[in-house]
Protein backbone atom coordinates (compact mmCIF):
# COMPACT_ATOMS: atom_id res chain seq x y z
CA MET A 1 104.51 90.41 32.76
CA GLU A 2 105.72 89.25 35.94
CA GLN A 3 102.63 90.20 37.47
CA ASN A 4 100.42 88.30 35.01
CA GLN A 5 102.65 84.95 34.91
CA SER A 6 102.36 85.19 39.16
CA SER A 7 98.47 85.15 38.85
CA ALA A 8 98.54 82.37 35.97
CA SER A 9 100.55 80.45 37.98
CA ARG A 10 98.19 80.91 41.10
CA ARG A 11 95.29 79.58 39.34
CA ASP A 12 97.13 76.57 38.06
CA HIS A 13 98.29 76.02 41.39
CA ARG A 14 94.45 75.89 43.01
CA TYR A 15 92.83 73.84 40.14
CA ARG A 16 95.31 71.08 40.71
CA ARG A 17 94.83 71.72 44.02
CA LYS A 18 90.93 71.45 43.70
CA LYS A 19 91.13 68.56 40.97
CA GLN A 20 93.41 66.53 43.48
CA SER A 21 90.70 67.30 45.77
CA GLU A 22 88.19 65.66 44.32
CA TRP A 23 89.45 62.19 43.69
CA PRO A 24 88.43 61.08 47.04
CA HIS A 25 84.94 62.42 46.79
CA ILE A 26 84.80 60.29 43.15
CA LEU A 27 86.71 57.00 44.72
CA LEU A 28 84.33 56.99 47.88
CA PHE A 29 80.46 58.39 46.60
CA TYR A 30 81.02 56.33 42.56
CA VAL A 31 84.02 54.19 42.25
CA LEU A 32 83.65 52.03 45.54
CA PRO A 33 79.75 52.27 44.98
CA PHE A 34 79.99 50.77 42.09
CA LEU A 35 82.90 48.19 43.20
CA VAL A 36 80.05 47.17 46.22
CA PHE A 37 76.94 47.25 43.84
CA ASN A 38 78.93 44.77 41.34
CA SER A 39 80.07 42.43 43.80
CA ILE A 40 77.52 42.10 45.35
CA LEU A 41 74.91 41.36 42.20
CA PHE A 42 77.98 38.97 41.29
CA VAL A 43 77.67 36.57 44.55
CA CYS A 44 73.81 37.12 44.10
CA LEU A 45 73.86 35.74 40.40
CA THR A 46 76.67 32.91 41.66
CA ALA A 47 76.19 31.60 44.46
CA LYS A 48 75.60 28.09 44.57
CA PRO A 49 73.82 26.14 47.68
CA LYS A 50 75.95 23.85 49.79
CA LEU A 51 74.85 20.14 50.48
CA ASN A 52 75.75 17.94 53.07
CA VAL A 53 74.09 14.14 52.74
CA VAL A 54 74.65 11.75 55.44
CA VAL A 55 73.36 8.05 55.24
CA GLU A 56 72.25 7.03 58.85
CA ASP A 57 72.76 3.40 60.07
CA THR A 58 70.32 0.81 60.44
CA ASN A 59 68.78 -0.70 63.29
CA ASP A 60 67.09 -3.63 61.54
CA TYR A 61 69.26 -3.99 58.08
CA LEU A 62 66.07 -3.24 55.97
CA SER A 63 65.58 0.36 55.99
CA THR A 64 67.76 3.76 56.63
CA HIS A 65 66.96 7.17 56.21
CA VAL A 66 68.85 9.64 54.28
CA VAL A 67 69.35 13.35 55.41
CA LEU A 68 69.63 16.38 53.50
CA THR A 69 70.94 19.62 55.03
CA VAL A 70 71.36 22.64 52.84
CA LYS A 71 73.23 25.55 53.48
CA SER A 72 72.21 28.82 51.47
CA PHE A 73 71.95 32.03 51.66
CA PHE A 74 69.24 32.33 49.47
CA PRO A 75 65.91 30.46 49.03
CA THR A 76 66.01 26.94 47.38
CA LYS A 77 63.60 26.48 43.95
CA SER A 78 63.73 22.99 44.11
CA VAL A 79 65.05 20.13 46.17
CA SER A 80 65.41 16.25 44.90
CA MET A 81 66.85 13.18 45.81
CA THR A 82 67.51 9.99 43.64
CA LEU A 83 67.98 5.99 44.30
CA ASP A 84 69.43 4.66 41.14
CA GLY A 85 67.51 7.16 39.11
CA GLU A 86 64.35 6.23 40.82
CA PRO A 87 62.68 9.51 42.61
CA LEU A 88 62.61 9.30 46.41
CA GLU A 89 59.82 11.11 48.83
CA LEU A 90 61.18 13.93 51.11
CA GLU A 91 59.88 14.52 54.48
CA LYS A 92 61.05 18.32 55.16
CA GLY A 93 62.12 19.23 58.78
CA LYS A 94 63.71 22.37 60.33
CA HIS A 95 66.83 24.26 59.92
CA ARG A 96 66.42 23.09 56.22
CA THR A 97 67.12 19.16 56.55
CA TYR A 98 65.01 17.09 53.83
CA THR A 99 64.78 13.28 55.16
CA ALA A 100 64.05 10.19 52.69
CA THR A 101 63.77 6.67 53.90
CA VAL A 102 65.61 3.63 51.38
CA TYR A 103 64.66 0.37 51.43
CA LYS A 104 67.89 -0.74 49.45
CA ASN A 105 71.01 0.14 48.73
CA GLY A 106 72.15 2.16 45.76
CA SER A 107 73.30 5.11 44.87
CA ILE A 108 71.77 8.14 45.83
CA GLU A 109 71.91 11.44 44.23
CA SER A 110 70.78 15.11 45.39
CA SER A 111 70.22 18.17 43.51
CA VAL A 112 69.33 21.81 44.64
CA VAL A 113 68.48 24.82 42.86
CA ASN A 114 68.68 27.94 44.57
CA LEU A 115 66.58 31.01 43.69
CA ASN A 116 68.60 32.78 41.00
CA GLY A 117 68.89 29.38 39.41
CA MET A 118 72.53 28.11 40.28
CA PRO A 119 72.70 24.25 41.37
CA ALA A 120 74.62 22.05 43.26
CA THR A 121 74.33 18.21 43.52
CA VAL A 122 75.88 15.56 45.20
CA PHE A 123 76.39 11.53 45.08
CA GLU A 124 76.58 9.53 48.38
CA HIS A 125 76.34 5.16 48.47
CA VAL A 126 74.01 3.57 50.56
CA ASN A 127 75.31 0.57 51.23
CA VAL A 128 74.65 -0.74 55.28
CA LEU A 129 71.77 -2.38 54.06
CA ASP A 130 71.13 -6.22 53.84
CA ASP A 131 70.17 -7.47 50.33
CA ASN A 132 72.28 -10.44 50.09
CA PRO A 133 71.67 -13.81 50.87
CA PRO A 134 73.16 -16.28 53.28
CA GLU A 135 75.45 -18.42 51.94
CA PHE A 136 76.59 -22.22 52.39
CA SER A 137 80.13 -21.48 53.38
CA SER A 138 81.10 -25.28 54.32
CA THR A 139 79.62 -28.88 54.12
CA ASP A 140 80.18 -31.83 55.19
CA ILE A 141 78.33 -35.66 55.74
CA GLN A 142 79.31 -38.36 57.98
CA ASP A 143 77.17 -41.44 58.50
CA GLY A 144 74.25 -40.13 57.21
CA VAL A 145 74.23 -36.79 58.27
CA VAL A 146 74.92 -33.25 56.24
CA THR A 147 76.23 -30.52 58.26
CA ILE A 148 76.05 -26.91 56.75
CA THR A 149 77.42 -24.20 58.17
CA LEU A 150 76.19 -20.97 56.46
CA SER A 151 77.59 -17.41 56.70
CA ASP A 152 75.89 -13.97 56.77
CA SER A 153 78.19 -11.17 56.86
CA GLN A 154 75.32 -7.92 58.05
CA SER A 155 72.23 -9.04 59.32
CA GLY A 156 73.26 -12.62 60.75
CA ILE A 157 71.40 -16.33 60.20
CA ASN A 158 66.86 -16.40 61.54
CA PHE A 159 68.00 -20.24 62.68
CA ASP A 160 64.17 -20.42 63.19
CA SER A 161 63.66 -20.18 59.01
CA VAL A 162 65.95 -23.13 58.49
CA TYR A 163 64.65 -26.12 56.78
CA ALA A 164 64.69 -28.79 54.00
CA LEU A 165 62.50 -30.72 51.86
CA ASP A 166 63.84 -34.44 51.02
CA SER A 167 63.08 -35.98 47.72
CA ALA A 168 59.58 -36.91 48.49
CA GLY A 169 58.61 -33.16 49.29
CA GLU A 170 58.23 -34.10 52.81
CA ARG A 171 59.70 -31.36 55.73
CA VAL A 172 62.55 -31.85 57.53
CA GLU A 173 63.51 -30.27 60.10
CA PRO A 174 67.43 -29.65 61.29
CA THR A 175 68.79 -32.16 63.75
CA SER A 176 70.84 -29.64 65.99
CA VAL A 177 71.92 -26.30 65.61
CA ASP A 178 74.39 -24.84 66.69
CA ARG A 179 73.80 -20.71 66.79
CA ALA A 180 77.46 -19.84 67.92
CA SER A 181 79.08 -21.34 64.99
CA ASN A 182 76.43 -21.21 61.99
CA THR A 183 76.04 -24.74 61.94
CA LEU A 184 73.05 -27.35 61.61
CA SER A 185 72.99 -30.71 60.73
CA PHE A 186 70.47 -33.23 58.37
CA GLU A 187 69.37 -36.61 58.22
CA MET A 188 70.51 -36.86 54.43
CA ASP A 189 68.13 -37.92 52.29
CA PRO A 190 70.51 -39.42 49.25
CA ALA A 191 68.11 -38.81 46.64
CA GLY A 192 68.37 -35.59 47.18
CA LEU A 193 67.92 -33.04 50.38
CA HIS A 194 66.61 -29.03 49.42
CA VAL A 195 67.54 -26.73 52.35
CA TYR A 196 66.50 -23.52 52.99
CA ALA A 197 67.88 -20.63 54.81
CA ARG A 198 66.91 -16.76 55.60
CA ASP A 199 69.07 -13.95 57.33
CA LYS A 200 66.83 -11.71 59.41
CA ALA A 201 66.31 -9.33 56.61
CA ASP A 202 64.70 -12.40 55.06
CA ASN A 203 67.06 -12.50 52.00
CA GLU A 204 66.84 -16.36 51.49
CA VAL A 205 69.68 -19.31 49.75
CA GLN A 206 68.71 -22.30 48.67
CA GLY A 207 70.78 -25.19 48.13
CA THR A 208 70.16 -29.09 46.72
CA PHE A 209 72.29 -31.77 48.18
CA THR A 210 72.52 -35.22 47.48
CA SER A 211 74.82 -38.14 48.50
CA HIS A 212 76.69 -41.28 47.67
CA LYS A 213 79.15 -44.01 48.47
CA GLU A 214 82.55 -44.47 47.14
CA GLY A 215 82.86 -47.65 48.97
CA SER A 216 82.96 -46.81 52.49
CA VAL A 217 83.64 -43.41 51.57
CA GLU A 218 80.48 -41.04 51.62
CA THR A 219 80.79 -38.46 49.31
CA LEU A 220 78.21 -35.27 48.75
CA GLU A 221 77.72 -33.75 46.19
CA GLY A 222 75.36 -30.15 45.52
CA GLY A 223 75.29 -26.22 46.74
CA ALA A 224 73.53 -23.33 46.56
CA VAL A 225 71.23 -23.37 43.18
CA ASP A 226 68.92 -20.36 41.96
CA PRO A 227 65.48 -19.95 43.60
CA GLU A 228 63.55 -19.13 40.56
CA GLU A 229 65.85 -22.12 38.78
CA HIS A 230 64.31 -24.31 41.36
CA ASP A 231 60.76 -23.62 41.55
CA SER A 232 60.70 -23.81 37.80
CA ALA A 233 62.16 -27.61 38.15
CA ALA A 234 59.73 -28.21 40.65
CA ALA A 235 56.94 -27.03 38.83
CA GLY A 236 58.18 -29.31 35.95
CA THR A 237 58.17 -32.17 37.94
CA SER A 238 54.63 -31.42 39.37
CA ALA A 239 53.40 -31.15 35.85
CA GLN A 240 55.07 -34.30 34.89
CA ALA A 241 53.55 -36.57 37.86
CA ALA A 242 49.77 -34.72 37.13
CA ALA A 243 50.04 -36.10 33.79
CA ALA A 244 51.29 -39.05 34.51
CA THR A 245 48.67 -39.55 37.08
CA GLN A 246 45.65 -38.51 33.99
CA VAL A 247 47.31 -41.10 31.78
CA SER A 248 47.00 -43.92 34.22
CA VAL A 249 43.71 -43.34 35.05
CA PRO A 250 41.11 -45.83 32.89
C-alpha cells in the first residue's frame, strides 16, 4: 500500500515538473510572438505621418515659399496643400519635402495621408507678404503747399510712383521728397488734388485733398479714398462733360 502511494506521488511530481517546464516554451513560442505580431499590426494600422510646415522669409514681399516635410516610416498615399481653401501646386524635393509658392497672405492647410489610410493635417499662417497699401499718416498745408507723410510697415514706399492730379486732370509732380521721413510736398490746387502712391509691393493708396481759408488760416480737408469709388466718380464726371459737349454742338 505504501509502495503504491509512493509510486503515485513520484508520478504526480514528475507531471508537475513537466508541466512547469512547458511554460517557458509556451511563453517563448506562442505568447510572445502573438504579442509582438499584434503590436506590429497595431502600429502599422494606426501610424500617422508627422508633418513640419515652414513659411520662408520673403525677399520682395510679393511671394514666398511654404515647405512641407513629411516624417513617416510608411509611403504616403496623398499630399495636398491649400491657401484659404484654394489648392496650391506642390513641387516635390529631396527627403520627402514639398514646396509651394504663395503670392498672398492667408491660412495654409497641409494634409498627408499614409498608405495605411491614416491622415494628418497641420495649419500655418502666411503673414510675411505685403498686401496692404501705404497710408497717409499726416498732412499739413502752409502757403499753398501741402505736405504729406506716408507710412508703410513692410516693403516701404516707392517714391518714384508718387504723383497727383489737379482739378483739371493735369499731372502734378512732388515739389520735394524727403525719403528719410517719407514726406512729400505738392503745390496745392484749392479745387482738389488727387494723390497716388504705391509701396514696393505695388499696393496703391489714393487720397483726395481740398483746401480753403478761414480768415488768414488755410485749412486742408480730405484723405484716403477707395480707388474704385474714385475711378467711378471720375468716369461719371467724364461722361457728364462729354454729354455737355455734345449738347453744345449746333
